[in-house]
PDB file of N, CA and C in Angstrom:
ATOM      1  N   MET A   1       0.819  -1.189   0.000  1.00  0.00           N
ATOM      2  CA  MET A   1       0.000   0.000   0.000  1.00  0.00           C
ATOM      3  C   MET A   1       0.855   1.241   0.000  1.00  0.00           C
ATOM      4  N   GLY A   2       2.111   1.085   0.290  1.00  0.00           N
ATOM      5  CA  GLY A   2       2.985   2.237   0.284  1.00  0.00           C
ATOM      6  C   GLY A   2       2.864   3.108   1.513  1.00  0.00           C
ATOM      7  N   LEU A   3       2.407   2.564   2.614  1.00  0.00           N
ATOM      8  CA  LEU A   3       2.325   3.341   3.845  1.00  0.00           C
ATOM      9  C   LEU A   3       3.727   3.628   4.357  1.00  0.00           C
ATOM     10  N   CYS A   4       3.954   4.841   4.779  1.00  0.00           N
ATOM     11  CA  CYS A   4       5.267   5.215   5.305  1.00  0.00           C
ATOM     12  C   CYS A   4       5.088   5.804   6.696  1.00  0.00           C
ATOM     13  N   ALA A   5       6.098   5.607   7.508  1.00  0.00           N
ATOM     14  CA  ALA A   5       6.080   6.190   8.850  1.00  0.00           C
ATOM     15  C   ALA A   5       7.504   6.276   9.355  1.00  0.00           C
ATOM     16  N   SER A   6       7.710   7.191  10.273  1.00  0.00           N
ATOM     17  CA  SER A   6       9.036   7.301  10.870  1.00  0.00           C
ATOM     18  C   SER A   6       9.190   6.227  11.936  1.00  0.00           C
ATOM     19  N   CYS A   7      10.396   6.088  12.444  1.00  0.00           N
ATOM     20  CA  CYS A   7      10.657   5.061  13.449  1.00  0.00           C
ATOM     21  C   CYS A   7       9.930   5.333  14.751  1.00  0.00           C
ATOM     22  N   HIS A   8       9.706   6.567  15.081  1.00  0.00           N
ATOM     23  CA  HIS A   8       8.978   6.938  16.286  1.00  0.00           C
ATOM     24  C   HIS A   8       7.871   7.896  15.891  1.00  0.00           C
ATOM     25  N   PHE A   9       6.751   7.817  16.565  1.00  0.00           N
ATOM     26  CA  PHE A   9       5.722   8.807  16.330  1.00  0.00           C
ATOM     27  C   PHE A   9       5.113   9.204  17.659  1.00  0.00           C
ATOM     28  N   THR A  10       4.477  10.364  17.664  1.00  0.00           N
ATOM     29  CA  THR A  10       3.938  10.907  18.904  1.00  0.00           C
ATOM     30  C   THR A  10       2.492  11.309  18.712  1.00  0.00           C
ATOM     31  N   THR A  11       1.798  11.471  19.808  1.00  0.00           N
ATOM     32  CA  THR A  11       0.437  11.971  19.765  1.00  0.00           C
ATOM     33  C   THR A  11       0.503  13.486  19.628  1.00  0.00           C
ATOM     34  N   LYS A  12      -0.650  14.105  19.527  1.00  0.00           N
ATOM     35  CA  LYS A  12      -0.698  15.567  19.423  1.00  0.00           C
ATOM     36  C   LYS A  12      -0.168  16.234  20.685  1.00  0.00           C
ATOM     37  N   GLN A  13      -0.223  15.527  21.802  1.00  0.00           N
ATOM     38  CA  GLN A  13       0.280  16.083  23.052  1.00  0.00           C
ATOM     39  C   GLN A  13       1.797  15.914  23.161  1.00  0.00           C
ATOM     40  N   GLY A  14       2.413  15.291  22.172  1.00  0.00           N
ATOM     41  CA  GLY A  14       3.861  15.114  22.185  1.00  0.00           C
ATOM     42  C   GLY A  14       4.317  13.915  22.990  1.00  0.00           C
ATOM     43  N   ARG A  15       3.378  13.086  23.454  1.00  0.00           N
ATOM     44  CA  ARG A  15       3.713  11.917  24.256  1.00  0.00           C
ATOM     45  C   ARG A  15       4.176  10.789  23.339  1.00  0.00           C
ATOM     46  N   PHE A  16       5.238  10.091  23.722  1.00  0.00           N
ATOM     47  CA  PHE A  16       5.757   8.977  22.946  1.00  0.00           C
ATOM     48  C   PHE A  16       4.724   7.862  22.905  1.00  0.00           C
ATOM     49  N   VAL A  17       4.449   7.332  21.713  1.00  0.00           N
ATOM     50  CA  VAL A  17       3.455   6.283  21.570  1.00  0.00           C
ATOM     51  C   VAL A  17       4.096   4.940  21.263  1.00  0.00           C
ATOM     52  N   SER A  18       4.958   4.885  20.272  1.00  0.00           N
ATOM     53  CA  SER A  18       5.434   3.576  19.860  1.00  0.00           C
ATOM     54  C   SER A  18       6.733   3.687  19.092  1.00  0.00           C
ATOM     55  N   ASN A  19       7.515   2.654  19.147  1.00  0.00           N
ATOM     56  CA  ASN A  19       8.659   2.494  18.281  1.00  0.00           C
ATOM     57  C   ASN A  19       8.153   1.634  17.135  1.00  0.00           C
ATOM     58  N   TRP A  20       8.240   2.157  15.919  1.00  0.00           N
ATOM     59  CA  TRP A  20       7.628   1.530  14.752  1.00  0.00           C
ATOM     60  C   TRP A  20       7.963   0.052  14.640  1.00  0.00           C
ATOM     61  N   SER A  21       9.211  -0.308  14.798  1.00  0.00           N
ATOM     62  CA  SER A  21       9.616  -1.689  14.559  1.00  0.00           C
ATOM     63  C   SER A  21       9.466  -2.596  15.779  1.00  0.00           C
ATOM     64  N   SER A  22       8.997  -2.057  16.889  1.00  0.00           N
ATOM     65  CA  SER A  22       8.927  -2.862  18.106  1.00  0.00           C
ATOM     66  C   SER A  22       7.611  -3.606  18.273  1.00  0.00           C
ATOM     67  N   THR A  23       6.662  -3.416  17.348  1.00  0.00           N
ATOM     68  CA  THR A  23       5.371  -4.094  17.466  1.00  0.00           C
ATOM     69  C   THR A  23       4.880  -4.585  16.105  1.00  0.00           C
ATOM     70  N   VAL A  24       3.978  -5.560  16.161  1.00  0.00           N
ATOM     71  CA  VAL A  24       3.209  -5.986  15.001  1.00  0.00           C
ATOM     72  C   VAL A  24       1.922  -5.183  15.065  1.00  0.00           C
ATOM     73  N   LYS A  25       1.525  -4.567  13.968  1.00  0.00           N
ATOM     74  CA  LYS A  25       0.320  -3.750  13.948  1.00  0.00           C
ATOM     75  C   LYS A  25      -0.742  -4.430  13.088  1.00  0.00           C
ATOM     76  N   VAL A  26      -1.928  -4.630  13.674  1.00  0.00           N
ATOM     77  CA  VAL A  26      -3.042  -5.258  12.978  1.00  0.00           C
ATOM     78  C   VAL A  26      -4.217  -4.293  13.027  1.00  0.00           C
ATOM     79  N   ILE A  27      -4.745  -3.962  11.851  1.00  0.00           N
ATOM     80  CA  ILE A  27      -5.853  -3.011  11.757  1.00  0.00           C
ATOM     81  C   ILE A  27      -7.073  -3.734  11.213  1.00  0.00           C
ATOM     82  N   ASN A  28      -8.195  -3.560  11.889  1.00  0.00           N
ATOM     83  CA  ASN A  28      -9.456  -4.129  11.438  1.00  0.00           C
ATOM     84  C   ASN A  28      -9.980  -3.266  10.297  1.00  0.00           C
ATOM     85  N   SER A  29     -10.168  -3.852   9.123  1.00  0.00           N
ATOM     86  CA  SER A  29     -10.609  -3.079   7.960  1.00  0.00           C
ATOM     87  C   SER A  29     -12.028  -2.554   8.118  1.00  0.00           C
ATOM     88  N   GLY A  30     -12.807  -3.167   8.989  1.00  0.00           N
ATOM     89  CA  GLY A  30     -14.184  -2.723   9.194  1.00  0.00           C
ATOM     90  C   GLY A  30     -14.289  -1.482  10.049  1.00  0.00           C
ATOM     91  N   ASP A  31     -13.744  -1.551  11.271  1.00  0.00           N
ATOM     92  CA  ASP A  31     -13.906  -0.431  12.202  1.00  0.00           C
ATOM     93  C   ASP A  31     -12.627   0.396  12.380  1.00  0.00           C
ATOM     94  N   GLY A  32     -11.535  -0.026  11.775  1.00  0.00           N
ATOM     95  CA  GLY A  32     -10.291   0.746  11.847  1.00  0.00           C
ATOM     96  C   GLY A  32      -9.536   0.606  13.156  1.00  0.00           C
ATOM     97  N   ARG A  33      -9.945  -0.308  14.012  1.00  0.00           N
ATOM     98  CA  ARG A  33      -9.251  -0.480  15.296  1.00  0.00           C
ATOM     99  C   ARG A  33      -7.867  -1.085  15.107  1.00  0.00           C
ATOM    100  N   LEU A  34      -6.955  -0.602  15.911  1.00  0.00           N
ATOM    101  CA  LEU A  34      -5.569  -1.051  15.868  1.00  0.00           C
ATOM    102  C   LEU A  34      -5.282  -1.975  17.041  1.00  0.00           C
ATOM    103  N   GLN A  35      -4.636  -3.091  16.744  1.00  0.00           N
ATOM    104  CA  GLN A  35      -4.104  -3.977  17.780  1.00  0.00           C
ATOM    105  C   GLN A  35      -2.594  -4.001  17.577  1.00  0.00           C
ATOM    106  N   GLU A  36      -1.870  -3.909  18.671  1.00  0.00           N
ATOM    107  CA  GLU A  36      -0.418  -4.004  18.589  1.00  0.00           C
ATOM    108  C   GLU A  36       0.049  -5.161  19.454  1.00  0.00           C
ATOM    109  N   PHE A  37       0.987  -5.903  18.909  1.00  0.00           N
ATOM    110  CA  PHE A  37       1.566  -7.042  19.614  1.00  0.00           C
ATOM    111  C   PHE A  37       3.059  -6.800  19.750  1.00  0.00           C
ATOM    112  N   ARG A  38       3.565  -6.971  20.944  1.00  0.00           N
ATOM    113  CA  ARG A  38       4.976  -6.696  21.221  1.00  0.00           C
ATOM    114  C   ARG A  38       5.899  -7.868  20.890  1.00  0.00           C
ATOM    115  N   ARG A  39       5.304  -8.976  20.482  1.00  0.00           N
ATOM    116  CA  ARG A  39       6.069 -10.165  20.074  1.00  0.00           C
ATOM    117  C   ARG A  39       5.481 -10.672  18.771  1.00  0.00           C
ATOM    118  N   PRO A  40       6.283 -11.376  17.981  1.00  0.00           N
ATOM    119  CA  PRO A  40       5.702 -12.016  16.788  1.00  0.00           C
ATOM    120  C   PRO A  40       4.557 -12.930  17.210  1.00  0.00           C
ATOM    121  N   ILE A  41       3.534 -12.988  16.402  1.00  0.00           N
ATOM    122  CA  ILE A  41       2.349 -13.776  16.712  1.00  0.00           C
ATOM    123  C   ILE A  41       1.884 -14.465  15.434  1.00  0.00           C
ATOM    124  N   ARG A  42       1.282 -15.614  15.574  1.00  0.00           N
ATOM    125  CA  ARG A  42       0.785 -16.335  14.406  1.00  0.00           C
ATOM    126  C   ARG A  42      -0.584 -15.789  13.992  1.00  0.00           C
ATOM    127  N   ALA A  43      -0.849 -15.849  12.714  1.00  0.00           N
ATOM    128  CA  ALA A  43      -2.104 -15.337  12.161  1.00  0.00           C
ATOM    129  C   ALA A  43      -3.316 -15.980  12.821  1.00  0.00           C
ATOM    130  N   CYS A  44      -3.249 -17.279  13.101  1.00  0.00           N
ATOM    131  CA  CYS A  44      -4.402 -17.972  13.694  1.00  0.00           C
ATOM    132  C   CYS A  44      -4.770 -17.408  15.065  1.00  0.00           C
ATOM    133  N   HIS A  45      -3.801 -16.913  15.812  1.00  0.00           N
ATOM    134  CA  HIS A  45      -4.094 -16.340  17.130  1.00  0.00           C
ATOM    135  C   HIS A  45      -4.816 -15.003  16.987  1.00  0.00           C
ATOM    136  N   VAL A  46      -4.412 -14.218  16.005  1.00  0.00           N
ATOM    137  CA  VAL A  46      -5.079 -12.932  15.767  1.00  0.00           C
ATOM    138  C   VAL A  46      -6.507 -13.172  15.295  1.00  0.00           C
ATOM    139  N   LEU A  47      -6.686 -14.160  14.428  1.00  0.00           N
ATOM    140  CA  LEU A  47      -7.996 -14.421  13.840  1.00  0.00           C
ATOM    141  C   LEU A  47      -8.931 -15.219  14.734  1.00  0.00           C
ATOM    142  N   SER A  48      -8.447 -15.693  15.871  1.00  0.00           N
ATOM    143  CA  SER A  48      -9.297 -16.514  16.740  1.00  0.00           C
ATOM    144  C   SER A  48     -10.565 -15.787  17.170  1.00  0.00           C
ATOM    145  N   SER A  49     -10.536 -14.487  17.243  1.00  0.00           N
ATOM    146  CA  SER A  49     -11.735 -13.725  17.603  1.00  0.00           C
ATOM    147  C   SER A  49     -12.425 -13.108  16.378  1.00  0.00           C
ATOM    148  N   HIS A  50     -11.993 -13.520  15.187  1.00  0.00           N
ATOM    149  CA  HIS A  50     -12.568 -13.030  13.924  1.00  0.00           C
ATOM    150  C   HIS A  50     -12.783 -14.217  12.980  1.00  0.00           C
ATOM    151  N   PRO A  51     -13.787 -15.064  13.252  1.00  0.00           N
ATOM    152  CA  PRO A  51     -13.944 -16.307  12.481  1.00  0.00           C
ATOM    153  C   PRO A  51     -14.287 -16.113  11.006  1.00  0.00           C
ATOM    154  N   ALA A  52     -14.884 -15.008  10.646  1.00  0.00           N
ATOM    155  CA  ALA A  52     -15.276 -14.775   9.249  1.00  0.00           C
ATOM    156  C   ALA A  52     -14.340 -13.771   8.583  1.00  0.00           C
ATOM    157  N   ALA A  53     -13.036 -13.917   8.878  1.00  0.00           N
ATOM    158  CA  ALA A  53     -12.072 -12.948   8.359  1.00  0.00           C
ATOM    159  C   ALA A  53     -10.761 -13.632   7.996  1.00  0.00           C
ATOM    160  N   PHE A  54      -9.905 -12.882   7.303  1.00  0.00           N
ATOM    161  CA  PHE A  54      -8.564 -13.345   7.001  1.00  0.00           C
ATOM    162  C   PHE A  54      -7.597 -12.188   7.206  1.00  0.00           C
ATOM    163  N   LEU A  55      -6.329 -12.510   7.327  1.00  0.00           N
ATOM    164  CA  LEU A  55      -5.280 -11.502   7.478  1.00  0.00           C
ATOM    165  C   LEU A  55      -4.548 -11.314   6.172  1.00  0.00           C
ATOM    166  N   CYS A  56      -4.160 -10.066   5.918  1.00  0.00           N
ATOM    167  CA  CYS A  56      -3.377  -9.743   4.731  1.00  0.00           C
ATOM    168  C   CYS A  56      -2.330  -8.699   5.108  1.00  0.00           C
ATOM    169  N   SER A  57      -1.127  -8.889   4.609  1.00  0.00           N
ATOM    170  CA  SER A  57      -0.064  -7.913   4.828  1.00  0.00           C
ATOM    171  C   SER A  57      -0.315  -6.695   3.951  1.00  0.00           C
ATOM    172  N   SER A  58      -0.110  -5.511   4.489  1.00  0.00           N
ATOM    173  CA  SER A  58      -0.300  -4.297   3.699  1.00  0.00           C
ATOM    174  C   SER A  58       0.658  -4.257   2.506  1.00  0.00           C
ATOM    175  N   ASP A  59       1.805  -4.913   2.634  1.00  0.00           N
ATOM    176  CA  ASP A  59       2.779  -4.942   1.544  1.00  0.00           C
ATOM    177  C   ASP A  59       2.313  -5.773   0.354  1.00  0.00           C
ATOM    178  N   ALA A  60       1.303  -6.608   0.544  1.00  0.00           N
ATOM    179  CA  ALA A  60       0.837  -7.506  -0.515  1.00  0.00           C
ATOM    180  C   ALA A  60      -0.467  -7.034  -1.153  1.00  0.00           C
ATOM    181  N   MET A  61      -0.883  -5.803  -0.853  1.00  0.00           N
ATOM    182  CA  MET A  61      -2.159  -5.300  -1.346  1.00  0.00           C
ATOM    183  C   MET A  61      -1.929  -4.337  -2.501  1.00  0.00           C
ATOM    184  N   PHE A  62      -2.573  -4.655  -3.643  1.00  0.00           N
ATOM    185  CA  PHE A  62      -2.407  -3.845  -4.846  1.00  0.00           C
ATOM    186  C   PHE A  62      -3.749  -3.659  -5.541  1.00  0.00           C
ATOM    187  N   VAL A  63      -3.907  -2.512  -6.203  1.00  0.00           N
ATOM    188  CA  VAL A  63      -5.121  -2.217  -6.961  1.00  0.00           C
ATOM    189  C   VAL A  63      -5.289  -3.274  -8.051  1.00  0.00           C
ATOM    190  N   GLY A  64      -6.505  -3.785  -8.155  1.00  0.00           N
ATOM    191  CA  GLY A  64      -6.831  -4.738  -9.204  1.00  0.00           C
ATOM    192  C   GLY A  64      -6.414  -6.169  -8.905  1.00  0.00           C
ATOM    193  N   ARG A  65      -5.873  -6.411  -7.731  1.00  0.00           N
ATOM    194  CA  ARG A  65      -5.459  -7.765  -7.353  1.00  0.00           C
ATOM    195  C   ARG A  65      -6.215  -8.206  -6.106  1.00  0.00           C
ATOM    196  N   ILE A  66      -6.381  -9.506  -5.984  1.00  0.00           N
ATOM    197  CA  ILE A  66      -7.016 -10.073  -4.800  1.00  0.00           C
ATOM    198  C   ILE A  66      -6.015 -10.028  -3.649  1.00  0.00           C
ATOM    199  N   ALA A  67      -6.477  -9.608  -2.475  1.00  0.00           N
ATOM    200  CA  ALA A  67      -5.609  -9.552  -1.293  1.00  0.00           C
ATOM    201  C   ALA A  67      -5.259 -10.985  -0.886  1.00  0.00           C
ATOM    202  N   PRO A  68      -3.970 -11.332  -0.871  1.00  0.00           N
ATOM    203  CA  PRO A  68      -3.593 -12.703  -0.517  1.00  0.00           C
ATOM    204  C   PRO A  68      -3.808 -12.996   0.969  1.00  0.00           C
ATOM    205  N   GLN A  69      -4.450 -14.127   1.228  1.00  0.00           N
ATOM    206  CA  GLN A  69      -4.716 -14.549   2.605  1.00  0.00           C
ATOM    207  C   GLN A  69      -3.476 -15.176   3.214  1.00  0.00           C
ATOM    208  N   MET A  70      -3.178 -14.779   4.429  1.00  0.00           N
ATOM    209  CA  MET A  70      -2.069 -15.382   5.151  1.00  0.00           C
ATOM    210  C   MET A  70      -2.509 -16.723   5.728  1.00  0.00           C
ATOM    211  N   SER A  71      -1.613 -17.661   5.735  1.00  0.00           N
ATOM    212  CA  SER A  71      -1.855 -18.964   6.361  1.00  0.00           C
ATOM    213  C   SER A  71      -1.968 -18.780   7.873  1.00  0.00           C
ATOM    214  N   GLY A  72      -2.781 -19.586   8.510  1.00  0.00           N
ATOM    215  CA  GLY A  72      -2.941 -19.515   9.961  1.00  0.00           C
ATOM    216  C   GLY A  72      -1.650 -19.753  10.726  1.00  0.00           C
ATOM    217  N   ASN A  73      -0.750 -20.542  10.154  1.00  0.00           N
ATOM    218  CA  ASN A  73       0.529 -20.830  10.808  1.00  0.00           C
ATOM    219  C   ASN A  73       1.591 -19.771  10.551  1.00  0.00           C
ATOM    220  N   GLU A  74       1.295 -18.836   9.651  1.00  0.00           N
ATOM    221  CA  GLU A  74       2.278 -17.816   9.308  1.00  0.00           C
ATOM    222  C   GLU A  74       2.468 -16.840  10.474  1.00  0.00           C
ATOM    223  N   GLU A  75       3.714 -16.479  10.722  1.00  0.00           N
ATOM    224  CA  GLU A  75       4.038 -15.573  11.810  1.00  0.00           C
ATOM    225  C   GLU A  75       4.072 -14.131  11.293  1.00  0.00           C
ATOM    226  N   LEU A  76       3.382 -13.246  11.999  1.00  0.00           N
ATOM    227  CA  LEU A  76       3.384 -11.840  11.636  1.00  0.00           C
ATOM    228  C   LEU A  76       4.716 -11.227  12.052  1.00  0.00           C
ATOM    229  N   GLN A  77       5.231 -10.334  11.229  1.00  0.00           N
ATOM    230  CA  GLN A  77       6.564  -9.785  11.431  1.00  0.00           C
ATOM    231  C   GLN A  77       6.519  -8.436  12.157  1.00  0.00           C
ATOM    232  N   MET A  78       7.490  -8.236  13.033  1.00  0.00           N
ATOM    233  CA  MET A  78       7.605  -6.984  13.774  1.00  0.00           C
ATOM    234  C   MET A  78       7.786  -5.823  12.783  1.00  0.00           C
ATOM    235  N   GLY A  79       7.148  -4.701  13.084  1.00  0.00           N
ATOM    236  CA  GLY A  79       7.271  -3.511  12.263  1.00  0.00           C
ATOM    237  C   GLY A  79       6.378  -3.496  11.037  1.00  0.00           C
ATOM    238  N   GLU A  80       5.612  -4.548  10.829  1.00  0.00           N
ATOM    239  CA  GLU A  80       4.742  -4.627   9.654  1.00  0.00           C
ATOM    240  C   GLU A  80       3.299  -4.297  10.030  1.00  0.00           C
ATOM    241  N   ILE A  81       2.518  -3.914   9.025  1.00  0.00           N
ATOM    242  CA  ILE A  81       1.101  -3.611   9.199  1.00  0.00           C
ATOM    243  C   ILE A  81       0.298  -4.678   8.480  1.00  0.00           C
ATOM    244  N   TYR A  82      -0.712  -5.198   9.172  1.00  0.00           N
ATOM    245  CA  TYR A  82      -1.597  -6.221   8.622  1.00  0.00           C
ATOM    246  C   TYR A  82      -3.032  -5.749   8.752  1.00  0.00           C
ATOM    247  N   PHE A  83      -3.883  -6.224   7.853  1.00  0.00           N
ATOM    248  CA  PHE A  83      -5.300  -5.900   7.901  1.00  0.00           C
ATOM    249  C   PHE A  83      -6.116  -7.160   8.113  1.00  0.00           C
ATOM    250  N   ILE A  84      -7.114  -7.052   8.989  1.00  0.00           N
ATOM    251  CA  ILE A  84      -8.125  -8.089   9.129  1.00  0.00           C
ATOM    252  C   ILE A  84      -9.192  -7.746   8.096  1.00  0.00           C
ATOM    253  N   MET A  85      -9.396  -8.662   7.149  1.00  0.00           N
ATOM    254  CA  MET A  85     -10.330  -8.436   6.049  1.00  0.00           C
ATOM    255  C   MET A  85     -11.478  -9.444   6.141  1.00  0.00           C
ATOM    256  N   PRO A  86     -12.694  -9.045   5.767  1.00  0.00           N
ATOM    257  CA  PRO A  86     -13.814  -9.998   5.790  1.00  0.00           C
ATOM    258  C   PRO A  86     -13.656 -11.060   4.694  1.00  0.00           C
ATOM    259  N   LEU A  87     -14.008 -12.301   5.026  1.00  0.00           N
ATOM    260  CA  LEU A  87     -13.931 -13.380   4.043  1.00  0.00           C
ATOM    261  C   LEU A  87     -14.760 -13.081   2.798  1.00  0.00           C
ATOM    262  N   SER A  88     -15.803 -12.289   2.937  1.00  0.00           N
ATOM    263  CA  SER A  88     -16.643 -11.947   1.782  1.00  0.00           C
ATOM    264  C   SER A  88     -15.860 -11.173   0.717  1.00  0.00           C
ATOM    265  N   ASN A  89     -14.731 -10.595   1.095  1.00  0.00           N
ATOM    266  CA  ASN A  89     -13.891  -9.862   0.137  1.00  0.00           C
ATOM    267  C   ASN A  89     -12.736 -10.706  -0.395  1.00  0.00           C
ATOM    268  N   SER A  90     -12.674 -11.965  -0.014  1.00  0.00           N
ATOM    269  CA  SER A  90     -11.492 -12.769  -0.308  1.00  0.00           C
ATOM    270  C   SER A  90     -11.283 -13.074  -1.787  1.00  0.00           C
ATOM    271  N   ASN A  91     -12.319 -12.986  -2.602  1.00  0.00           N
ATOM    272  CA  ASN A  91     -12.164 -13.276  -4.027  1.00  0.00           C
ATOM    273  C   ASN A  91     -12.353 -12.066  -4.917  1.00  0.00           C
ATOM    274  N   ASN A  92     -12.449 -10.889  -4.316  1.00  0.00           N
ATOM    275  CA  ASN A  92     -12.665  -9.668  -5.081  1.00  0.00           C
ATOM    276  C   ASN A  92     -11.372  -8.875  -5.213  1.00  0.00           C
ATOM    277  N   PRO A  93     -11.024  -8.467  -6.428  1.00  0.00           N
ATOM    278  CA  PRO A  93      -9.846  -7.602  -6.578  1.00  0.00           C
ATOM    279  C   PRO A  93     -10.056  -6.291  -5.822  1.00  0.00           C
ATOM    280  N   LEU A  94      -8.997  -5.778  -5.253  1.00  0.00           N
ATOM    281  CA  LEU A  94      -9.072  -4.525  -4.498  1.00  0.00           C
ATOM    282  C   LEU A  94      -9.169  -3.338  -5.458  1.00  0.00           C
ATOM    283  N   SER A  95     -10.068  -2.435  -5.152  1.00  0.00           N
ATOM    284  CA  SER A  95     -10.209  -1.228  -5.962  1.00  0.00           C
ATOM    285  C   SER A  95      -9.340  -0.120  -5.367  1.00  0.00           C
ATOM    286  N   LEU A  96      -9.090   0.904  -6.150  1.00  0.00           N
ATOM    287  CA  LEU A  96      -8.337   2.056  -5.664  1.00  0.00           C
ATOM    288  C   LEU A  96      -9.074   2.690  -4.484  1.00  0.00           C
ATOM    289  N   GLN A  97     -10.384   2.766  -4.571  1.00  0.00           N
ATOM    290  CA  GLN A  97     -11.188   3.341  -3.490  1.00  0.00           C
ATOM    291  C   GLN A  97     -11.026   2.532  -2.200  1.00  0.00           C
ATOM    292  N   GLU A  98     -11.040   1.199  -2.293  1.00  0.00           N
ATOM    293  CA  GLU A  98     -10.868   0.353  -1.103  1.00  0.00           C
ATOM    294  C   GLU A  98      -9.484   0.540  -0.479  1.00  0.00           C
ATOM    295  N   LEU A  99      -8.454   0.584  -1.322  1.00  0.00           N
ATOM    296  CA  LEU A  99      -7.101   0.769  -0.795  1.00  0.00           C
ATOM    297  C   LEU A  99      -6.939   2.142  -0.152  1.00  0.00           C
ATOM    298  N   CYS A 100      -7.539   3.148  -0.750  1.00  0.00           N
ATOM    299  CA  CYS A 100      -7.479   4.484  -0.152  1.00  0.00           C
ATOM    300  C   CYS A 100      -8.189   4.504   1.197  1.00  0.00           C
ATOM    301  N   SER A 101      -9.330   3.836   1.279  1.00  0.00           N
ATOM    302  CA  SER A 101     -10.059   3.750   2.543  1.00  0.00           C
ATOM    303  C   SER A 101      -9.230   3.043   3.609  1.00  0.00           C
ATOM    304  N   LEU A 102      -8.561   1.956   3.235  1.00  0.00           N
ATOM    305  CA  LEU A 102      -7.707   1.236   4.182  1.00  0.00           C
ATOM    306  C   LEU A 102      -6.525   2.095   4.619  1.00  0.00           C
ATOM    307  N   ALA A 103      -5.958   2.836   3.688  1.00  0.00           N
ATOM    308  CA  ALA A 103      -4.831   3.708   4.024  1.00  0.00           C
ATOM    309  C   ALA A 103      -5.261   4.805   5.000  1.00  0.00           C
ATOM    310  N   ILE A 104      -6.447   5.342   4.805  1.00  0.00           N
ATOM    311  CA  ILE A 104      -6.972   6.370   5.715  1.00  0.00           C
ATOM    312  C   ILE A 104      -7.213   5.771   7.101  1.00  0.00           C
ATOM    313  N   LYS A 105      -7.795   4.576   7.148  1.00  0.00           N
ATOM    314  CA  LYS A 105      -8.029   3.907   8.434  1.00  0.00           C
ATOM    315  C   LYS A 105      -6.703   3.614   9.132  1.00  0.00           C
ATOM    316  N   ALA A 106      -5.727   3.156   8.379  1.00  0.00           N
ATOM    317  CA  ALA A 106      -4.415   2.856   8.965  1.00  0.00           C
ATOM    318  C   ALA A 106      -3.760   4.126   9.483  1.00  0.00           C
ATOM    319  N   GLY A 107      -3.793   5.180   8.705  1.00  0.00           N
ATOM    320  CA  GLY A 107      -3.192   6.438   9.136  1.00  0.00           C
ATOM    321  C   GLY A 107      -3.834   6.963  10.410  1.00  0.00           C
ATOM    322  N   SER A 108      -5.162   6.906  10.454  1.00  0.00           N
ATOM    323  CA  SER A 108      -5.885   7.361  11.633  1.00  0.00           C
ATOM    324  C   SER A 108      -5.563   6.493  12.855  1.00  0.00           C
ATOM    325  N   ALA A 109      -5.569   5.175  12.661  1.00  0.00           N
ATOM    326  CA  ALA A 109      -5.275   4.262  13.772  1.00  0.00           C
ATOM    327  C   ALA A 109      -3.860   4.452  14.291  1.00  0.00           C
ATOM    328  N   LEU A 110      -2.917   4.620  13.391  1.00  0.00           N
ATOM    329  CA  LEU A 110      -1.522   4.791  13.818  1.00  0.00           C
ATOM    330  C   LEU A 110      -1.302   6.127  14.499  1.00  0.00           C
ATOM    331  N   GLN A 111      -2.037   7.137  14.051  1.00  0.00           N
ATOM    332  CA  GLN A 111      -1.892   8.467  14.652  1.00  0.00           C
ATOM    333  C   GLN A 111      -2.492   8.524  16.046  1.00  0.00           C
ATOM    334  N   THR A 112      -3.661   7.893  16.213  1.00  0.00           N
ATOM    335  CA  THR A 112      -4.335   7.963  17.518  1.00  0.00           C
ATOM    336  C   THR A 112      -3.982   6.795  18.426  1.00  0.00           C
ATOM    337  N   GLY A 113      -3.445   5.732  17.832  1.00  0.00           N
ATOM    338  CA  GLY A 113      -3.087   4.566  18.620  1.00  0.00           C
ATOM    339  C   GLY A 113      -4.281   3.758  19.062  1.00  0.00           C
ATOM    340  N   SER A 114      -5.401   3.861  18.306  1.00  0.00           N
ATOM    341  CA  SER A 114      -6.615   3.106  18.684  1.00  0.00           C
ATOM    342  C   SER A 114      -7.040   2.155  17.610  1.00  0.00           C
TER     343      SER A 114
END
């Protein structure tokens, strides 16, 4: 998706929030909520509370292509951003509008830390 961020970011109050590479970031594509994990975690553990969803790395999302589903045994990497996507979207190519919406949700979640 081409999301960029510095190694450290702060809230509007100037309070330190996170070291970019020290967590795995998972964003729910529906509500935009951010989950951060301080250790590598397997996809199946993240999805255990989302039975009708799949995980996709933001680096693997492109306009006009289907978002590739991560295997349940695959380990999420520190410093990376992942999206929880509904299974109903698993066979549909991503549109520019959808990717822009995800980028806005990711930017908002990373900025507010929620």
